[in-house]
PDB file of N, CA and C in Angstrom:
ATOM      1  N   UNK A   1     -34.445  -5.804 -11.269  1.00  0.00           N
ATOM      2  CA  UNK A   1     -34.327  -5.273  -9.972  1.00  0.00           C
ATOM      3  C   UNK A   1     -32.953  -3.984  -9.910  1.00  0.00           C
ATOM      4  N   UNK A   2     -33.271  -3.205  -9.213  1.00  0.00           N
ATOM      5  CA  UNK A   2     -32.548  -2.115  -9.121  1.00  0.00           C
ATOM      6  C   UNK A   2     -31.205  -2.035  -8.341  1.00  0.00           C
ATOM      7  N   UNK A   3     -30.062  -1.613  -8.661  1.00  0.00           N
ATOM      8  CA  UNK A   3     -28.982  -1.378  -8.000  1.00  0.00           C
ATOM      9  C   UNK A   3     -28.823  -0.394  -7.159  1.00  0.00           C
ATOM     10  N   UNK A   4     -28.456  -0.366  -5.862  1.00  0.00           N
ATOM     11  CA  UNK A   4     -28.379   0.718  -5.094  1.00  0.00           C
ATOM     12  C   UNK A   4     -27.211   1.655  -5.736  1.00  0.00           C
ATOM     13  N   UNK A   5     -27.274   2.742  -5.666  1.00  0.00           N
ATOM     14  CA  UNK A   5     -26.224   3.717  -6.227  1.00  0.00           C
ATOM     15  C   UNK A   5     -25.144   3.755  -5.132  1.00  0.00           C
ATOM     16  N   UNK A   6     -23.791   3.746  -5.794  1.00  0.00           N
ATOM     17  CA  UNK A   6     -22.851   3.619  -5.083  1.00  0.00           C
ATOM     18  C   UNK A   6     -22.781   5.093  -4.479  1.00  0.00           C
ATOM     19  N   UNK A   7     -21.910   5.268  -3.219  1.00  0.00           N
ATOM     20  CA  UNK A   7     -21.405   6.206  -2.211  1.00  0.00           C
ATOM     21  C   UNK A   7     -21.563   7.261  -3.339  1.00  0.00           C
ATOM     22  N   UNK A   8     -22.408   8.405  -2.697  1.00  0.00           N
ATOM     23  CA  UNK A   8     -22.159   9.717  -4.090  1.00  0.00           C
ATOM     24  C   UNK A   8     -20.974  10.578  -3.659  1.00  0.00           C
ATOM     25  N   UNK A   9     -20.502  10.288  -2.507  1.00  0.00           N
ATOM     26  CA  UNK A   9     -19.091  10.935  -2.279  1.00  0.00           C
ATOM     27  C   UNK A   9     -17.832  10.693  -2.522  1.00  0.00           C
ATOM     28  N   UNK A  10     -17.982   9.488  -3.138  1.00  0.00           N
ATOM     29  CA  UNK A  10     -16.765   8.884  -3.320  1.00  0.00           C
ATOM     30  C   UNK A  10     -16.105   9.489  -4.837  1.00  0.00           C
ATOM     31  N   UNK A  11     -15.078   9.861  -4.895  1.00  0.00           N
ATOM     32  CA  UNK A  11     -14.463  10.487  -6.404  1.00  0.00           C
ATOM     33  C   UNK A  11     -14.556   9.188  -7.612  1.00  0.00           C
ATOM     34  N   UNK A  12     -15.106   9.978  -8.543  1.00  0.00           N
ATOM     35  CA  UNK A  12     -15.273   9.399 -10.051  1.00  0.00           C
ATOM     36  C   UNK A  12     -14.818   9.689 -10.992  1.00  0.00           C
ATOM     37  N   UNK A  13     -14.267   9.191 -12.158  1.00  0.00           N
ATOM     38  CA  UNK A  13     -13.122   9.510 -12.855  1.00  0.00           C
ATOM     39  C   UNK A  13     -14.691  10.096 -13.843  1.00  0.00           C
ATOM     40  N   UNK A  14     -14.359  10.949 -14.925  1.00  0.00           N
ATOM     41  CA  UNK A  14     -15.312  11.258 -15.818  1.00  0.00           C
ATOM     42  C   UNK A  14     -16.079   9.839 -16.616  1.00  0.00           C
ATOM     43  N   UNK A  15     -15.273   9.090 -17.016  1.00  0.00           N
ATOM     44  CA  UNK A  15     -16.290   8.060 -17.986  1.00  0.00           C
ATOM     45  C   UNK A  15     -16.751   6.997 -16.695  1.00  0.00           C
ATOM     46  N   UNK A  16     -16.349   7.060 -15.799  1.00  0.00           N
ATOM     47  CA  UNK A  16     -17.354   6.064 -14.917  1.00  0.00           C
ATOM     48  C   UNK A  16     -18.472   6.948 -14.395  1.00  0.00           C
ATOM     49  N   UNK A  17     -18.505   8.266 -14.048  1.00  0.00           N
ATOM     50  CA  UNK A  17     -19.700   9.172 -14.242  1.00  0.00           C
ATOM     51  C   UNK A  17     -20.663   9.189 -15.219  1.00  0.00           C
ATOM     52  N   UNK A  18     -20.049   9.088 -16.848  1.00  0.00           N
ATOM     53  CA  UNK A  18     -20.777   9.239 -17.619  1.00  0.00           C
ATOM     54  C   UNK A  18     -21.308   8.029 -17.866  1.00  0.00           C
ATOM     55  N   UNK A  19     -20.778   6.949 -17.887  1.00  0.00           N
ATOM     56  CA  UNK A  19     -21.231   5.113 -17.582  1.00  0.00           C
ATOM     57  C   UNK A  19     -22.341   5.151 -16.669  1.00  0.00           C
ATOM     58  N   UNK A  20     -22.083   5.503 -15.524  1.00  0.00           N
ATOM     59  CA  UNK A  20     -23.093   5.378 -14.215  1.00  0.00           C
ATOM     60  C   UNK A  20     -24.337   6.326 -14.877  1.00  0.00           C
ATOM     61  N   UNK A  21     -24.146   7.436 -15.097  1.00  0.00           N
ATOM     62  CA  UNK A  21     -25.263   8.559 -15.431  1.00  0.00           C
ATOM     63  C   UNK A  21     -26.299   7.520 -16.710  1.00  0.00           C
ATOM     64  N   UNK A  22     -25.613   7.121 -17.903  1.00  0.00           N
ATOM     65  CA  UNK A  22     -26.364   6.338 -18.924  1.00  0.00           C
ATOM     66  C   UNK A  22     -26.990   5.237 -18.183  1.00  0.00           C
ATOM     67  N   UNK A  23     -26.516   4.286 -17.054  1.00  0.00           N
ATOM     68  CA  UNK A  23     -27.093   3.349 -16.469  1.00  0.00           C
ATOM     69  C   UNK A  23     -28.376   4.047 -16.057  1.00  0.00           C
ATOM     70  N   UNK A  24     -28.285   4.910 -14.867  1.00  0.00           N
ATOM     71  CA  UNK A  24     -29.417   5.879 -14.180  1.00  0.00           C
ATOM     72  C   UNK A  24     -30.220   6.045 -15.323  1.00  0.00           C
ATOM     73  N   UNK A  25     -29.963   6.467 -16.435  1.00  0.00           N
ATOM     74  CA  UNK A  25     -31.148   7.261 -17.532  1.00  0.00           C
ATOM     75  C   UNK A  25     -31.839   6.090 -17.799  1.00  0.00           C
ATOM     76  N   UNK A  26     -31.488   4.910 -18.129  1.00  0.00           N
ATOM     77  CA  UNK A  26     -31.689   3.441 -18.694  1.00  0.00           C
ATOM     78  C   UNK A  26     -32.802   2.808 -17.848  1.00  0.00           C
ATOM     79  N   UNK A  27     -32.349   2.696 -16.327  1.00  0.00           N
ATOM     80  CA  UNK A  27     -33.207   2.586 -15.240  1.00  0.00           C
ATOM     81  C   UNK A  27     -34.367   3.326 -15.268  1.00  0.00           C
ATOM     82  N   UNK A  28     -34.346   4.631 -15.172  1.00  0.00           N
ATOM     83  CA  UNK A  28     -35.361   5.580 -15.223  1.00  0.00           C
ATOM     84  C   UNK A  28     -36.883   5.588 -16.162  1.00  0.00           C
ATOM     85  N   UNK A  29     -35.959   5.142 -17.660  1.00  0.00           N
ATOM     86  CA  UNK A  29     -36.635   5.167 -18.776  1.00  0.00           C
ATOM     87  C   UNK A  29     -37.428   3.835 -18.803  1.00  0.00           C
ATOM     88  N   UNK A  30     -36.607   2.846 -18.166  1.00  0.00           N
ATOM     89  CA  UNK A  30     -37.360   1.354 -18.270  1.00  0.00           C
ATOM     90  C   UNK A  30     -38.808   1.103 -17.560  1.00  0.00           C
ATOM     91  N   UNK A  31     -38.656   2.037 -16.341  1.00  0.00           N
ATOM     92  CA  UNK A  31     -39.801   2.171 -15.304  1.00  0.00           C
ATOM     93  C   UNK A  31     -40.043   1.366 -14.356  1.00  0.00           C
ATOM     94  N   UNK A  32     -40.793   0.769 -13.894  1.00  0.00           N
ATOM     95  CA  UNK A  32     -41.173  -0.484 -13.290  1.00  0.00           C
ATOM     96  C   UNK A  32     -40.563  -0.214 -11.572  1.00  0.00           C
ATOM     97  N   UNK A  33     -40.658   1.256 -11.099  1.00  0.00           N
ATOM     98  CA  UNK A  33     -39.414   1.616  -9.847  1.00  0.00           C
ATOM     99  C   UNK A  33     -40.899   2.337  -9.241  1.00  0.00           C
ATOM    100  N   UNK A  34     -40.523   1.972  -7.656  1.00  0.00           N
ATOM    101  CA  UNK A  34     -41.392   3.002  -6.996  1.00  0.00           C
ATOM    102  C   UNK A  34     -40.913   4.437  -7.195  1.00  0.00           C
ATOM    103  N   UNK A  35     -42.003   5.418  -6.510  1.00  0.00           N
ATOM    104  CA  UNK A  35     -41.472   6.315  -6.738  1.00  0.00           C
ATOM    105  C   UNK A  35     -40.086   6.919  -5.919  1.00  0.00           C
ATOM    106  N   UNK A  36     -40.015   6.413  -4.675  1.00  0.00           N
ATOM    107  CA  UNK A  36     -38.853   6.652  -3.958  1.00  0.00           C
ATOM    108  C   UNK A  36     -37.378   6.092  -4.503  1.00  0.00           C
ATOM    109  N   UNK A  37     -37.602   5.038  -5.266  1.00  0.00           N
ATOM    110  CA  UNK A  37     -36.504   4.602  -6.365  1.00  0.00           C
ATOM    111  C   UNK A  37     -35.952   5.116  -7.341  1.00  0.00           C
ATOM    112  N   UNK A  38     -36.884   6.039  -7.833  1.00  0.00           N
ATOM    113  CA  UNK A  38     -37.185   7.187  -9.092  1.00  0.00           C
ATOM    114  C   UNK A  38     -36.608   8.548  -8.437  1.00  0.00           C
ATOM    115  N   UNK A  39     -37.102   8.658  -7.322  1.00  0.00           N
ATOM    116  CA  UNK A  39     -36.463   9.921  -6.649  1.00  0.00           C
ATOM    117  C   UNK A  39     -34.990   9.962  -6.896  1.00  0.00           C
ATOM    118  N   UNK A  40     -34.595   8.308  -5.858  1.00  0.00           N
ATOM    119  CA  UNK A  40     -33.110   8.152  -5.272  1.00  0.00           C
ATOM    120  C   UNK A  40     -32.281   8.358  -6.779  1.00  0.00           C
ATOM    121  N   UNK A  41     -32.717   7.745  -7.945  1.00  0.00           N
ATOM    122  CA  UNK A  41     -31.936   7.782  -9.075  1.00  0.00           C
ATOM    123  C   UNK A  41     -31.907   8.953  -9.946  1.00  0.00           C
ATOM    124  N   UNK A  42     -32.995   9.853  -9.679  1.00  0.00           N
ATOM    125  CA  UNK A  42     -32.772  11.088 -10.356  1.00  0.00           C
ATOM    126  C   UNK A  42     -31.720  11.795  -9.829  1.00  0.00           C
ATOM    127  N   UNK A  43     -31.726  11.943  -8.289  1.00  0.00           N
ATOM    128  CA  UNK A  43     -30.747  12.702  -7.300  1.00  0.00           C
ATOM    129  C   UNK A  43     -29.624  12.355  -7.796  1.00  0.00           C
ATOM    130  N   UNK A  44     -29.419  11.043  -8.286  1.00  0.00           N
ATOM    131  CA  UNK A  44     -27.847  10.501  -8.423  1.00  0.00           C
ATOM    132  C   UNK A  44     -27.777  10.462  -9.640  1.00  0.00           C
ATOM    133  N   UNK A  45     -28.606  10.886 -10.596  1.00  0.00           N
ATOM    134  CA  UNK A  45     -28.226  11.476 -12.107  1.00  0.00           C
ATOM    135  C   UNK A  45     -28.065  12.527 -11.930  1.00  0.00           C
ATOM    136  N   UNK A  46     -28.582  13.574 -11.337  1.00  0.00           N
ATOM    137  CA  UNK A  46     -27.972  14.990 -10.799  1.00  0.00           C
ATOM    138  C   UNK A  46     -26.785  15.243 -10.456  1.00  0.00           C
ATOM    139  N   UNK A  47     -26.386  14.242  -9.229  1.00  0.00           N
ATOM    140  CA  UNK A  47     -25.165  14.241  -8.967  1.00  0.00           C
ATOM    141  C   UNK A  47     -23.978  14.136  -9.844  1.00  0.00           C
ATOM    142  N   UNK A  48     -24.431  13.033 -10.814  1.00  0.00           N
ATOM    143  CA  UNK A  48     -23.416  12.425 -11.904  1.00  0.00           C
ATOM    144  C   UNK A  48     -22.891  13.416 -13.127  1.00  0.00           C
ATOM    145  N   UNK A  49     -24.216  14.279 -13.402  1.00  0.00           N
ATOM    146  CA  UNK A  49     -24.437  15.233 -14.276  1.00  0.00           C
ATOM    147  C   UNK A  49     -23.239  15.944 -14.204  1.00  0.00           C
ATOM    148  N   UNK A  50     -23.703  16.518 -12.604  1.00  0.00           N
ATOM    149  CA  UNK A  50     -22.751  17.916 -12.136  1.00  0.00           C
ATOM    150  C   UNK A  50     -21.274  17.515 -12.193  1.00  0.00           C
ATOM    151  N   UNK A  51     -21.113  16.260 -11.761  1.00  0.00           N
ATOM    152  CA  UNK A  51     -19.597  15.733 -11.952  1.00  0.00           C
ATOM    153  C   UNK A  51     -19.051  15.853 -13.100  1.00  0.00           C
ATOM    154  N   UNK A  52     -19.415  15.212 -14.386  1.00  0.00           N
ATOM    155  CA  UNK A  52     -19.165  15.187 -15.127  1.00  0.00           C
ATOM    156  C   UNK A  52     -19.089  16.580 -16.079  1.00  0.00           C
ATOM    157  N   UNK A  53     -20.040  17.827 -15.541  1.00  0.00           N
ATOM    158  CA  UNK A  53     -19.980  18.927 -16.008  1.00  0.00           C
ATOM    159  C   UNK A  53     -18.593  19.752 -15.416  1.00  0.00           C
ATOM    160  N   UNK A  54     -18.234  19.103 -14.118  1.00  0.00           N
ATOM    161  CA  UNK A  54     -17.036  19.532 -13.575  1.00  0.00           C
ATOM    162  C   UNK A  54     -15.546  19.261 -14.442  1.00  0.00           C
ATOM    163  N   UNK A  55     -15.853  17.967 -14.430  1.00  0.00           N
ATOM    164  CA  UNK A  55     -14.551  17.377 -15.317  1.00  0.00           C
ATOM    165  C   UNK A  55     -14.471  18.002 -16.974  1.00  0.00           C
ATOM    166  N   UNK A  56     -15.836  18.065 -17.218  1.00  0.00           N
ATOM    167  CA  UNK A  56     -15.532  19.157 -18.705  1.00  0.00           C
ATOM    168  C   UNK A  56     -14.925  20.549 -18.726  1.00  0.00           C
ATOM    169  N   UNK A  57     -15.774  21.240 -17.481  1.00  0.00           N
ATOM    170  CA  UNK A  57     -15.204  22.190 -17.029  1.00  0.00           C
ATOM    171  C   UNK A  57     -13.453  22.680 -17.332  1.00  0.00           C
ATOM    172  N   UNK A  58     -13.304  21.538 -16.026  1.00  0.00           N
ATOM    173  CA  UNK A  58     -11.717  21.591 -15.821  1.00  0.00           C
ATOM    174  C   UNK A  58     -10.947  21.372 -16.875  1.00  0.00           C
ATOM    175  N   UNK A  59     -11.268  20.230 -18.125  1.00  0.00           N
ATOM    176  CA  UNK A  59     -10.809  20.199 -18.935  1.00  0.00           C
ATOM    177  C   UNK A  59     -10.421  21.504 -20.053  1.00  0.00           C
ATOM    178  N   UNK A  60     -11.664  22.206 -20.221  1.00  0.00           N
ATOM    179  CA  UNK A  60     -11.804  23.409 -20.666  1.00  0.00           C
ATOM    180  C   UNK A  60     -10.729  24.314 -20.460  1.00  0.00           C
ATOM    181  N   UNK A  61     -10.744  24.666 -19.117  1.00  0.00           N
ATOM    182  CA  UNK A  61      -9.882  25.501 -18.594  1.00  0.00           C
ATOM    183  C   UNK A  61      -8.231  25.290 -18.539  1.00  0.00           C
ATOM    184  N   UNK A  62      -7.905  23.750 -18.560  1.00  0.00           N
ATOM    185  CA  UNK A  62      -6.820  23.294 -18.806  1.00  0.00           C
ATOM    186  C   UNK A  62      -6.012  23.783 -20.259  1.00  0.00           C
ATOM    187  N   UNK A  63      -7.349  23.574 -21.349  1.00  0.00           N
ATOM    188  CA  UNK A  63      -6.857  23.735 -22.629  1.00  0.00           C
ATOM    189  C   UNK A  63      -6.681  25.067 -22.722  1.00  0.00           C
ATOM    190  N   UNK A  64      -7.474  26.018 -22.338  1.00  0.00           N
ATOM    191  CA  UNK A  64      -7.502  27.382 -22.246  1.00  0.00           C
ATOM    192  C   UNK A  64      -6.024  27.920 -22.072  1.00  0.00           C
ATOM    193  N   UNK A  65      -5.791  27.321 -20.812  1.00  0.00           N
ATOM    194  CA  UNK A  65      -4.249  27.752 -20.236  1.00  0.00           C
ATOM    195  C   UNK A  65      -3.359  27.371 -21.021  1.00  0.00           C
ATOM    196  N   UNK A  66      -3.255  26.174 -21.750  1.00  0.00           N
ATOM    197  CA  UNK A  66      -2.035  25.995 -22.423  1.00  0.00           C
ATOM    198  C   UNK A  66      -1.841  26.366 -24.042  1.00  0.00           C
ATOM    199  N   UNK A  67      -3.283  26.750 -24.541  1.00  0.00           N
ATOM    200  CA  UNK A  67      -3.574  27.409 -25.716  1.00  0.00           C
ATOM    201  C   UNK A  67      -4.290  28.910 -25.287  1.00  0.00           C
ATOM    202  N   UNK A  68      -3.876  29.742 -24.849  1.00  0.00           N
ATOM    203  CA  UNK A  68      -4.606  31.074 -24.956  1.00  0.00           C
ATOM    204  C   UNK A  68      -5.191  31.826 -26.099  1.00  0.00           C
ATOM    205  N   UNK A  69      -4.562  31.293 -26.799  1.00  0.00           N
ATOM    206  CA  UNK A  69      -4.963  32.192 -28.378  1.00  0.00           C
ATOM    207  C   UNK A  69      -6.261  31.222 -28.911  1.00  0.00           C
ATOM    208  N   UNK A  70      -6.430  30.021 -28.287  1.00  0.00           N
ATOM    209  CA  UNK A  70      -7.630  29.247 -28.943  1.00  0.00           C
ATOM    210  C   UNK A  70      -8.907  29.702 -28.042  1.00  0.00           C
ATOM    211  N   UNK A  71      -8.843  30.325 -26.714  1.00  0.00           N
ATOM    212  CA  UNK A  71      -9.817  30.626 -25.968  1.00  0.00           C
ATOM    213  C   UNK A  71     -10.691  31.542 -26.418  1.00  0.00           C
ATOM    214  N   UNK A  72     -10.344  32.527 -27.592  1.00  0.00           N
ATOM    215  CA  UNK A  72     -11.470  33.334 -28.171  1.00  0.00           C
ATOM    216  C   UNK A  72     -12.302  32.448 -29.271  1.00  0.00           C
ATOM    217  N   UNK A  73     -11.956  31.246 -29.579  1.00  0.00           N
ATOM    218  CA  UNK A  73     -12.937  30.673 -30.509  1.00  0.00           C
ATOM    219  C   UNK A  73     -14.053  29.859 -29.989  1.00  0.00           C
ATOM    220  N   UNK A  74     -15.497  30.166 -30.667  1.00  0.00           N
ATOM    221  CA  UNK A  74     -16.529  29.684 -30.025  1.00  0.00           C
ATOM    222  C   UNK A  74     -16.815  28.569 -30.527  1.00  0.00           C
ATOM    223  N   UNK A  75     -17.092  27.222 -30.165  1.00  0.00           N
ATOM    224  CA  UNK A  75     -17.995  26.205 -30.602  1.00  0.00           C
ATOM    225  C   UNK A  75     -18.927  26.329 -31.571  1.00  0.00           C
ATOM    226  N   UNK A  76     -19.247  25.605 -32.371  1.00  0.00           N
ATOM    227  CA  UNK A  76     -20.565  26.117 -33.155  1.00  0.00           C
ATOM    228  C   UNK A  76     -21.302  24.650 -32.489  1.00  0.00           C
TER     229      UNK A  76
END
């Protein structure tokens, strides 16, 4: 059985969004869903991925503000 996705407008922490995104991926990979269910899960996954990216971008901005000299370092 598929759980219905939570309210997409509710604010979630990075960890909650990441964990839910993992669950969405598992459900999609498991298959057995209708096209409509798959599309709804895909859309929720896109929302969660965007939320995670916003958290990561915000964290990077905060770190760069705290350590401006480290902003010139490019991760490998």
